[in-house]
């Protein structure tokens, strides 16, 4: 977000993030691959250093509270960080 203050809690943050919403991941890919965007992309890349990532949204019915509860239960069972356990199994 431009021209807004931010507070870094962990790690280093270069300062800004731009979020563009699309109806779905296929529309985001179509935007990226479009001749119109590819024509103007060098304007961005010559003047701004940054990364572009496409992130698929959460599925309909996603319940963040239930997910957090499951993660807490897994942590209390194993007392291991969830990320390290999940990296060993299929996500």
PDB file of N, CA and C in Angstrom:
ATOM      1  N   UNK A   1       0.846  -1.142   0.000  1.00  0.00           N
ATOM      2  CA  UNK A   1       0.000   0.000   0.000  1.00  0.00           C
ATOM      3  C   UNK A   1       0.906   1.223   0.000  1.00  0.00           C
ATOM      4  N   UNK A   2       0.677   2.079  -0.902  1.00  0.00           N
ATOM      5  CA  UNK A   2       1.522   3.262  -1.041  1.00  0.00           C
ATOM      6  C   UNK A   2       1.081   4.373  -0.101  1.00  0.00           C
ATOM      7  N   UNK A   3       2.023   5.144   0.355  1.00  0.00           N
ATOM      8  CA  UNK A   3       1.819   6.343   1.168  1.00  0.00           C
ATOM      9  C   UNK A   3       1.118   6.032   2.494  1.00  0.00           C
ATOM     10  N   UNK A   4       1.213   4.825   2.963  1.00  0.00           N
ATOM     11  CA  UNK A   4       0.678   4.491   4.272  1.00  0.00           C
ATOM     12  C   UNK A   4       1.817   3.972   5.132  1.00  0.00           C
ATOM     13  N   UNK A   5       1.706   4.194   6.414  1.00  0.00           N
ATOM     14  CA  UNK A   5       2.736   3.708   7.313  1.00  0.00           C
ATOM     15  C   UNK A   5       2.537   2.217   7.548  1.00  0.00           C
ATOM     16  N   UNK A   6       3.633   1.531   7.787  1.00  0.00           N
ATOM     17  CA  UNK A   6       3.557   0.112   8.089  1.00  0.00           C
ATOM     18  C   UNK A   6       4.492  -0.185   9.245  1.00  0.00           C
ATOM     19  N   UNK A   7       4.250  -1.268   9.892  1.00  0.00           N
ATOM     20  CA  UNK A   7       5.054  -1.671  11.041  1.00  0.00           C
ATOM     21  C   UNK A   7       5.525  -3.094  10.809  1.00  0.00           C
ATOM     22  N   UNK A   8       6.816  -3.281  10.697  1.00  0.00           N
ATOM     23  CA  UNK A   8       7.399  -4.600  10.476  1.00  0.00           C
ATOM     24  C   UNK A   8       7.529  -5.292  11.830  1.00  0.00           C
ATOM     25  N   UNK A   9       6.934  -6.459  11.954  1.00  0.00           N
ATOM     26  CA  UNK A   9       7.010  -7.232  13.198  1.00  0.00           C
ATOM     27  C   UNK A   9       8.112  -8.282  13.160  1.00  0.00           C
ATOM     28  N   UNK A  10       8.366  -8.851  11.977  1.00  0.00           N
ATOM     29  CA  UNK A  10       9.422  -9.843  11.825  1.00  0.00           C
ATOM     30  C   UNK A  10      10.065  -9.665  10.462  1.00  0.00           C
ATOM     31  N   UNK A  11      11.368  -9.842  10.388  1.00  0.00           N
ATOM     32  CA  UNK A  11      12.079  -9.803   9.116  1.00  0.00           C
ATOM     33  C   UNK A  11      12.212  -8.394   8.560  1.00  0.00           C
ATOM     34  N   UNK A  12      12.591  -8.329   7.325  1.00  0.00           N
ATOM     35  CA  UNK A  12      12.770  -7.063   6.622  1.00  0.00           C
ATOM     36  C   UNK A  12      11.659  -6.900   5.604  1.00  0.00           C
ATOM     37  N   UNK A  13      11.119  -5.720   5.512  1.00  0.00           N
ATOM     38  CA  UNK A  13      10.069  -5.441   4.542  1.00  0.00           C
ATOM     39  C   UNK A  13      10.482  -4.202   3.763  1.00  0.00           C
ATOM     40  N   UNK A  14      10.523  -4.299   2.442  1.00  0.00           N
ATOM     41  CA  UNK A  14      11.005  -3.166   1.648  1.00  0.00           C
ATOM     42  C   UNK A  14      10.064  -1.971   1.616  1.00  0.00           C
ATOM     43  N   UNK A  15       8.805  -2.152   1.962  1.00  0.00           N
ATOM     44  CA  UNK A  15       7.989  -0.970   2.088  1.00  0.00           C
ATOM     45  C   UNK A  15       6.608  -0.978   1.485  1.00  0.00           C
ATOM     46  N   UNK A  16       6.376  -1.516   0.350  1.00  0.00           N
ATOM     47  CA  UNK A  16       5.060  -1.385  -0.275  1.00  0.00           C
ATOM     48  C   UNK A  16       4.599  -2.719  -0.846  1.00  0.00           C
ATOM     49  N   UNK A  17       3.298  -2.845  -0.924  1.00  0.00           N
ATOM     50  CA  UNK A  17       2.707  -4.003  -1.568  1.00  0.00           C
ATOM     51  C   UNK A  17       1.509  -3.502  -2.375  1.00  0.00           C
ATOM     52  N   UNK A  18       1.344  -4.057  -3.535  1.00  0.00           N
ATOM     53  CA  UNK A  18       0.206  -3.737  -4.379  1.00  0.00           C
ATOM     54  C   UNK A  18      -0.575  -5.031  -4.565  1.00  0.00           C
ATOM     55  N   UNK A  19      -1.852  -5.001  -4.271  1.00  0.00           N
ATOM     56  CA  UNK A  19      -2.704  -6.170  -4.414  1.00  0.00           C
ATOM     57  C   UNK A  19      -3.720  -5.876  -5.509  1.00  0.00           C
ATOM     58  N   UNK A  20      -3.801  -6.769  -6.474  1.00  0.00           N
ATOM     59  CA  UNK A  20      -4.779  -6.649  -7.551  1.00  0.00           C
ATOM     60  C   UNK A  20      -5.671  -7.876  -7.475  1.00  0.00           C
ATOM     61  N   UNK A  21      -6.958  -7.670  -7.368  1.00  0.00           N
ATOM     62  CA  UNK A  21      -7.889  -8.787  -7.261  1.00  0.00           C
ATOM     63  C   UNK A  21      -8.435  -9.219  -8.612  1.00  0.00           C
ATOM     64  N   UNK A  22      -8.615 -10.512  -8.769  1.00  0.00           N
ATOM     65  CA  UNK A  22      -9.196 -11.101  -9.974  1.00  0.00           C
ATOM     66  C   UNK A  22     -10.272 -12.080  -9.536  1.00  0.00           C
ATOM     67  N   UNK A  23     -11.220 -12.377 -10.397  1.00  0.00           N
ATOM     68  CA  UNK A  23     -12.246 -13.359 -10.036  1.00  0.00           C
ATOM     69  C   UNK A  23     -11.670 -14.748  -9.727  1.00  0.00           C
ATOM     70  N   UNK A  24     -10.561 -15.093 -10.359  1.00  0.00           N
ATOM     71  CA  UNK A  24      -9.945 -16.398 -10.135  1.00  0.00           C
ATOM     72  C   UNK A  24      -8.521 -16.408 -10.649  1.00  0.00           C
ATOM     73  N   UNK A  25      -7.816 -17.497 -10.372  1.00  0.00           N
ATOM     74  CA  UNK A  25      -6.415 -17.619 -10.758  1.00  0.00           C
ATOM     75  C   UNK A  25      -6.253 -17.652 -12.276  1.00  0.00           C
ATOM     76  N   UNK A  26      -7.210 -18.223 -12.979  1.00  0.00           N
ATOM     77  CA  UNK A  26      -7.090 -18.277 -14.440  1.00  0.00           C
ATOM     78  C   UNK A  26      -7.177 -16.872 -15.041  1.00  0.00           C
ATOM     79  N   UNK A  27      -8.002 -16.016 -14.464  1.00  0.00           N
ATOM     80  CA  UNK A  27      -8.080 -14.630 -14.944  1.00  0.00           C
ATOM     81  C   UNK A  27      -6.796 -13.868 -14.633  1.00  0.00           C
ATOM     82  N   UNK A  28      -6.184 -14.156 -13.491  1.00  0.00           N
ATOM     83  CA  UNK A  28      -4.911 -13.514 -13.151  1.00  0.00           C
ATOM     84  C   UNK A  28      -3.819 -13.947 -14.132  1.00  0.00           C
ATOM     85  N   UNK A  29      -3.792 -15.224 -14.453  1.00  0.00           N
ATOM     86  CA  UNK A  29      -2.807 -15.715 -15.437  1.00  0.00           C
ATOM     87  C   UNK A  29      -3.047 -15.101 -16.807  1.00  0.00           C
ATOM     88  N   UNK A  30      -4.326 -14.986 -17.176  1.00  0.00           N
ATOM     89  CA  UNK A  30      -4.655 -14.386 -18.475  1.00  0.00           C
ATOM     90  C   UNK A  30      -4.205 -12.934 -18.520  1.00  0.00           C
ATOM     91  N   UNK A  31      -4.358 -12.207 -17.426  1.00  0.00           N
ATOM     92  CA  UNK A  31      -3.878 -10.821 -17.363  1.00  0.00           C
ATOM     93  C   UNK A  31      -2.365 -10.774 -17.556  1.00  0.00           C
ATOM     94  N   UNK A  32      -1.650 -11.604 -16.810  1.00  0.00           N
ATOM     95  CA  UNK A  32      -0.187 -11.620 -16.897  1.00  0.00           C
ATOM     96  C   UNK A  32       0.283 -11.957 -18.306  1.00  0.00           C
ATOM     97  N   UNK A  33      -0.345 -12.937 -18.919  1.00  0.00           N
ATOM     98  CA  UNK A  33       0.059 -13.417 -20.241  1.00  0.00           C
ATOM     99  C   UNK A  33      -0.453 -12.551 -21.386  1.00  0.00           C
ATOM    100  N   UNK A  34      -1.319 -11.605 -21.100  1.00  0.00           N
ATOM    101  CA  UNK A  34      -1.945 -10.827 -22.171  1.00  0.00           C
ATOM    102  C   UNK A  34      -0.931  -9.947 -22.899  1.00  0.00           C
ATOM    103  N   UNK A  35      -1.095  -9.800 -24.193  1.00  0.00           N
ATOM    104  CA  UNK A  35      -0.220  -8.908 -24.953  1.00  0.00           C
ATOM    105  C   UNK A  35      -0.258  -7.474 -24.414  1.00  0.00           C
ATOM    106  N   UNK A  36      -1.418  -7.033 -23.943  1.00  0.00           N
ATOM    107  CA  UNK A  36      -1.531  -5.668 -23.415  1.00  0.00           C
ATOM    108  C   UNK A  36      -0.630  -5.473 -22.196  1.00  0.00           C
ATOM    109  N   UNK A  37      -0.642  -6.427 -21.241  1.00  0.00           N
ATOM    110  CA  UNK A  37       0.223  -6.286 -20.075  1.00  0.00           C
ATOM    111  C   UNK A  37       1.685  -6.463 -20.459  1.00  0.00           C
ATOM    112  N   UNK A  38       1.988  -7.448 -21.273  1.00  0.00           N
ATOM    113  CA  UNK A  38       3.370  -7.686 -21.666  1.00  0.00           C
ATOM    114  C   UNK A  38       3.967  -6.470 -22.380  1.00  0.00           C
ATOM    115  N   UNK A  39       3.120  -5.713 -23.058  1.00  0.00           N
ATOM    116  CA  UNK A  39       3.613  -4.509 -23.729  1.00  0.00           C
ATOM    117  C   UNK A  39       4.039  -3.432 -22.729  1.00  0.00           C
ATOM    118  N   UNK A  40       3.314  -3.308 -21.625  1.00  0.00           N
ATOM    119  CA  UNK A  40       3.653  -2.261 -20.651  1.00  0.00           C
ATOM    120  C   UNK A  40       4.526  -2.759 -19.495  1.00  0.00           C
ATOM    121  N   UNK A  41       4.714  -4.056 -19.366  1.00  0.00           N
ATOM    122  CA  UNK A  41       5.499  -4.614 -18.264  1.00  0.00           C
ATOM    123  C   UNK A  41       6.904  -4.022 -18.160  1.00  0.00           C
ATOM    124  N   UNK A  42       7.604  -3.747 -19.272  1.00  0.00           N
ATOM    125  CA  UNK A  42       8.930  -3.155 -19.140  1.00  0.00           C
ATOM    126  C   UNK A  42       8.921  -1.784 -18.458  1.00  0.00           C
ATOM    127  N   UNK A  43       7.835  -1.049 -18.568  1.00  0.00           N
ATOM    128  CA  UNK A  43       7.749   0.236 -17.863  1.00  0.00           C
ATOM    129  C   UNK A  43       7.873   0.021 -16.357  1.00  0.00           C
ATOM    130  N   UNK A  44       7.222  -1.010 -15.852  1.00  0.00           N
ATOM    131  CA  UNK A  44       7.309  -1.328 -14.434  1.00  0.00           C
ATOM    132  C   UNK A  44       8.694  -1.848 -14.084  1.00  0.00           C
ATOM    133  N   UNK A  45       9.158  -2.823 -14.829  1.00  0.00           N
ATOM    134  CA  UNK A  45      10.409  -3.480 -14.446  1.00  0.00           C
ATOM    135  C   UNK A  45      11.637  -2.583 -14.593  1.00  0.00           C
ATOM    136  N   UNK A  46      11.573  -1.597 -15.452  1.00  0.00           N
ATOM    137  CA  UNK A  46      12.705  -0.658 -15.590  1.00  0.00           C
ATOM    138  C   UNK A  46      12.745   0.362 -14.463  1.00  0.00           C
ATOM    139  N   UNK A  47      11.636   0.574 -13.787  1.00  0.00           N
ATOM    140  CA  UNK A  47      11.568   1.654 -12.810  1.00  0.00           C
ATOM    141  C   UNK A  47      11.282   1.205 -11.385  1.00  0.00           C
ATOM    142  N   UNK A  48      10.815  -0.010 -11.225  1.00  0.00           N
ATOM    143  CA  UNK A  48      10.459  -0.497  -9.899  1.00  0.00           C
ATOM    144  C   UNK A  48      11.004  -1.904  -9.729  1.00  0.00           C
ATOM    145  N   UNK A  49      11.743  -2.107  -8.649  1.00  0.00           N
ATOM    146  CA  UNK A  49      12.213  -3.452  -8.338  1.00  0.00           C
ATOM    147  C   UNK A  49      11.171  -4.130  -7.464  1.00  0.00           C
ATOM    148  N   UNK A  50      10.819  -5.330  -7.804  1.00  0.00           N
ATOM    149  CA  UNK A  50       9.830  -6.029  -6.991  1.00  0.00           C
ATOM    150  C   UNK A  50       9.511  -7.391  -7.553  1.00  0.00           C
ATOM    151  N   UNK A  51       8.665  -8.075  -6.855  1.00  0.00           N
ATOM    152  CA  UNK A  51       8.241  -9.417  -7.234  1.00  0.00           C
ATOM    153  C   UNK A  51       6.768  -9.386  -7.585  1.00  0.00           C
ATOM    154  N   UNK A  52       6.376 -10.267  -8.473  1.00  0.00           N
ATOM    155  CA  UNK A  52       4.970 -10.456  -8.790  1.00  0.00           C
ATOM    156  C   UNK A  52       4.655 -11.917  -8.516  1.00  0.00           C
ATOM    157  N   UNK A  53       3.650 -12.124  -7.698  1.00  0.00           N
ATOM    158  CA  UNK A  53       3.228 -13.488  -7.392  1.00  0.00           C
ATOM    159  C   UNK A  53       1.722 -13.587  -7.616  1.00  0.00           C
ATOM    160  N   UNK A  54       1.292 -14.740  -8.034  1.00  0.00           N
ATOM    161  CA  UNK A  54      -0.136 -15.020  -8.162  1.00  0.00           C
ATOM    162  C   UNK A  54      -0.502 -15.956  -7.020  1.00  0.00           C
ATOM    163  N   UNK A  55      -1.541 -15.599  -6.286  1.00  0.00           N
ATOM    164  CA  UNK A  55      -1.964 -16.383  -5.137  1.00  0.00           C
ATOM    165  C   UNK A  55      -3.428 -16.739  -5.313  1.00  0.00           C
ATOM    166  N   UNK A  56      -3.711 -18.026  -5.318  1.00  0.00           N
ATOM    167  CA  UNK A  56      -5.095 -18.461  -5.432  1.00  0.00           C
ATOM    168  C   UNK A  56      -5.810 -18.183  -4.122  1.00  0.00           C
ATOM    169  N   UNK A  57      -7.033 -17.741  -4.209  1.00  0.00           N
ATOM    170  CA  UNK A  57      -7.822 -17.451  -3.012  1.00  0.00           C
ATOM    171  C   UNK A  57      -8.208 -18.716  -2.269  1.00  0.00           C
ATOM    172  N   UNK A  58      -8.748 -18.525  -1.085  1.00  0.00           N
ATOM    173  CA  UNK A  58      -9.192 -19.669  -0.299  1.00  0.00           C
ATOM    174  C   UNK A  58     -10.499 -20.203  -0.874  1.00  0.00           C
ATOM    175  N   UNK A  59     -10.778 -21.472  -0.695  1.00  0.00           N
ATOM    176  CA  UNK A  59     -11.996 -22.052  -1.267  1.00  0.00           C
ATOM    177  C   UNK A  59     -13.249 -21.547  -0.556  1.00  0.00           C
ATOM    178  N   UNK A  60     -14.380 -21.625  -1.235  1.00  0.00           N
ATOM    179  CA  UNK A  60     -15.654 -21.294  -0.618  1.00  0.00           C
ATOM    180  C   UNK A  60     -15.840 -22.140   0.633  1.00  0.00           C
ATOM    181  N   UNK A  61     -16.362 -21.532   1.657  1.00  0.00           N
ATOM    182  CA  UNK A  61     -16.601 -22.258   2.895  1.00  0.00           C
ATOM    183  C   UNK A  61     -15.392 -22.360   3.806  1.00  0.00           C
ATOM    184  N   UNK A  62     -14.278 -21.767   3.427  1.00  0.00           N
ATOM    185  CA  UNK A  62     -13.072 -21.817   4.259  1.00  0.00           C
ATOM    186  C   UNK A  62     -13.360 -21.179   5.613  1.00  0.00           C
ATOM    187  N   UNK A  63     -12.952 -21.835   6.668  1.00  0.00           N
ATOM    188  CA  UNK A  63     -13.187 -21.351   8.025  1.00  0.00           C
ATOM    189  C   UNK A  63     -11.840 -21.139   8.707  1.00  0.00           C
ATOM    190  N   UNK A  64     -11.380 -19.887   8.779  1.00  0.00           N
ATOM    191  CA  UNK A  64     -10.065 -19.654   9.389  1.00  0.00           C
ATOM    192  C   UNK A  64     -10.014 -20.043  10.860  1.00  0.00           C
ATOM    193  N   UNK A  65     -11.122 -19.902  11.579  1.00  0.00           N
ATOM    194  CA  UNK A  65     -11.128 -20.278  12.994  1.00  0.00           C
ATOM    195  C   UNK A  65     -10.931 -21.787  13.148  1.00  0.00           C
ATOM    196  N   UNK A  66     -11.590 -22.575  12.304  1.00  0.00           N
ATOM    197  CA  UNK A  66     -11.423 -24.034  12.368  1.00  0.00           C
ATOM    198  C   UNK A  66      -9.995 -24.434  12.004  1.00  0.00           C
ATOM    199  N   UNK A  67      -9.422 -23.765  11.011  1.00  0.00           N
ATOM    200  CA  UNK A  67      -8.042 -24.053  10.618  1.00  0.00           C
ATOM    201  C   UNK A  67      -7.081 -23.734  11.756  1.00  0.00           C
ATOM    202  N   UNK A  68      -7.278 -22.588  12.407  1.00  0.00           N
ATOM    203  CA  UNK A  68      -6.421 -22.214  13.540  1.00  0.00           C
ATOM    204  C   UNK A  68      -6.556 -23.217  14.677  1.00  0.00           C
ATOM    205  N   UNK A  69      -7.780 -23.661  14.936  1.00  0.00           N
ATOM    206  CA  UNK A  69      -8.004 -24.647  15.995  1.00  0.00           C
ATOM    207  C   UNK A  69      -7.277 -25.959  15.677  1.00  0.00           C
ATOM    208  N   UNK A  70      -7.341 -26.383  14.414  1.00  0.00           N
ATOM    209  CA  UNK A  70      -6.645 -27.602  13.992  1.00  0.00           C
ATOM    210  C   UNK A  70      -5.133 -27.442  14.150  1.00  0.00           C
ATOM    211  N   UNK A  71      -4.624 -26.290  13.783  1.00  0.00           N
ATOM    212  CA  UNK A  71      -3.183 -26.058  13.909  1.00  0.00           C
ATOM    213  C   UNK A  71      -2.754 -26.075  15.368  1.00  0.00           C
ATOM    214  N   UNK A  72      -3.555 -25.455  16.244  1.00  0.00           N
ATOM    215  CA  UNK A  72      -3.226 -25.468  17.677  1.00  0.00           C
ATOM    216  C   UNK A  72      -3.235 -26.896  18.221  1.00  0.00           C
ATOM    217  N   UNK A  73      -4.213 -27.691  17.794  1.00  0.00           N
ATOM    218  CA  UNK A  73      -4.289 -29.080  18.260  1.00  0.00           C
ATOM    219  C   UNK A  73      -3.065 -29.865  17.803  1.00  0.00           C
ATOM    220  N   UNK A  74      -2.664 -29.680  16.566  1.00  0.00           N
ATOM    221  CA  UNK A  74      -1.478 -30.376  16.063  1.00  0.00           C
ATOM    222  C   UNK A  74      -0.235 -29.947  16.827  1.00  0.00           C
ATOM    223  N   UNK A  75      -0.124 -28.671  17.133  1.00  0.00           N
ATOM    224  CA  UNK A  75       1.031 -28.196  17.896  1.00  0.00           C
ATOM    225  C   UNK A  75       1.044 -28.792  19.297  1.00  0.00           C
ATOM    226  N   UNK A  76      -0.095 -28.830  19.940  1.00  0.00           N
ATOM    227  CA  UNK A  76      -0.115 -29.370  21.299  1.00  0.00           C
ATOM    228  C   UNK A  76       0.151 -30.873  21.292  1.00  0.00           C
ATOM    229  N   UNK A  77      -0.223 -31.566  20.224  1.00  0.00           N
ATOM    230  CA  UNK A  77       0.054 -33.003  20.126  1.00  0.00           C
ATOM    231  C   UNK A  77       1.543 -33.275  19.962  1.00  0.00           C
ATOM    232  N   UNK A  78       2.186 -32.550  19.076  1.00  0.00           N
ATOM    233  CA  UNK A  78       3.582 -32.843  18.735  1.00  0.00           C
ATOM    234  C   UNK A  78       4.585 -31.870  19.343  1.00  0.00           C
ATOM    235  N   UNK A  79       4.133 -30.689  19.722  1.00  0.00           N
ATOM    236  CA  UNK A  79       5.032 -29.647  20.193  1.00  0.00           C
ATOM    237  C   UNK A  79       6.134 -29.340  19.186  1.00  0.00           C
ATOM    238  N   UNK A  80       5.808 -29.509  17.905  1.00  0.00           N
ATOM    239  CA  UNK A  80       6.709 -29.150  16.813  1.00  0.00           C
ATOM    240  C   UNK A  80       6.036 -28.065  16.004  1.00  0.00           C
ATOM    241  N   UNK A  81       6.811 -27.180  15.387  1.00  0.00           N
ATOM    242  CA  UNK A  81       6.193 -26.193  14.504  1.00  0.00           C
ATOM    243  C   UNK A  81       5.424 -26.880  13.380  1.00  0.00           C
ATOM    244  N   UNK A  82       4.216 -26.405  13.111  1.00  0.00           N
ATOM    245  CA  UNK A  82       3.362 -26.989  12.085  1.00  0.00           C
ATOM    246  C   UNK A  82       4.034 -26.985  10.723  1.00  0.00           C
ATOM    247  N   UNK A  83       4.761 -25.926  10.405  1.00  0.00           N
ATOM    248  CA  UNK A  83       5.373 -25.824   9.092  1.00  0.00           C
ATOM    249  C   UNK A  83       6.373 -26.956   8.873  1.00  0.00           C
ATOM    250  N   UNK A  84       7.176 -27.255   9.888  1.00  0.00           N
ATOM    251  CA  UNK A  84       8.167 -28.307   9.704  1.00  0.00           C
ATOM    252  C   UNK A  84       7.502 -29.672   9.559  1.00  0.00           C
ATOM    253  N   UNK A  85       6.381 -29.904  10.268  1.00  0.00           N
ATOM    254  CA  UNK A  85       5.680 -31.179  10.114  1.00  0.00           C
ATOM    255  C   UNK A  85       5.033 -31.257   8.749  1.00  0.00           C
ATOM    256  N   UNK A  86       4.400 -30.185   8.303  1.00  0.00           N
ATOM    257  CA  UNK A  86       3.709 -30.216   7.017  1.00  0.00           C
ATOM    258  C   UNK A  86       4.680 -30.285   5.865  1.00  0.00           C
ATOM    259  N   UNK A  87       5.884 -29.781   6.037  1.00  0.00           N
ATOM    260  CA  UNK A  87       6.839 -29.849   4.936  1.00  0.00           C
ATOM    261  C   UNK A  87       7.259 -31.283   4.660  1.00  0.00           C
ATOM    262  N   UNK A  88       7.053 -32.162   5.634  1.00  0.00           N
ATOM    263  CA  UNK A  88       7.400 -33.566   5.447  1.00  0.00           C
ATOM    264  C   UNK A  88       6.244 -34.362   4.841  1.00  0.00           C
ATOM    265  N   UNK A  89       5.075 -33.775   4.821  1.00  0.00           N
ATOM    266  CA  UNK A  89       3.914 -34.505   4.286  1.00  0.00           C
ATOM    267  C   UNK A  89       3.338 -33.728   3.111  1.00  0.00           C
ATOM    268  N   UNK A  90       2.449 -34.369   2.404  1.00  0.00           N
ATOM    269  CA  UNK A  90       1.802 -33.700   1.257  1.00  0.00           C
ATOM    270  C   UNK A  90       0.810 -32.678   1.768  1.00  0.00           C
ATOM    271  N   UNK A  91       0.847 -31.502   1.191  1.00  0.00           N
ATOM    272  CA  UNK A  91      -0.103 -30.456   1.576  1.00  0.00           C
ATOM    273  C   UNK A  91      -1.316 -30.666   0.797  1.00  0.00           C
TER     274      UNK A  91
END
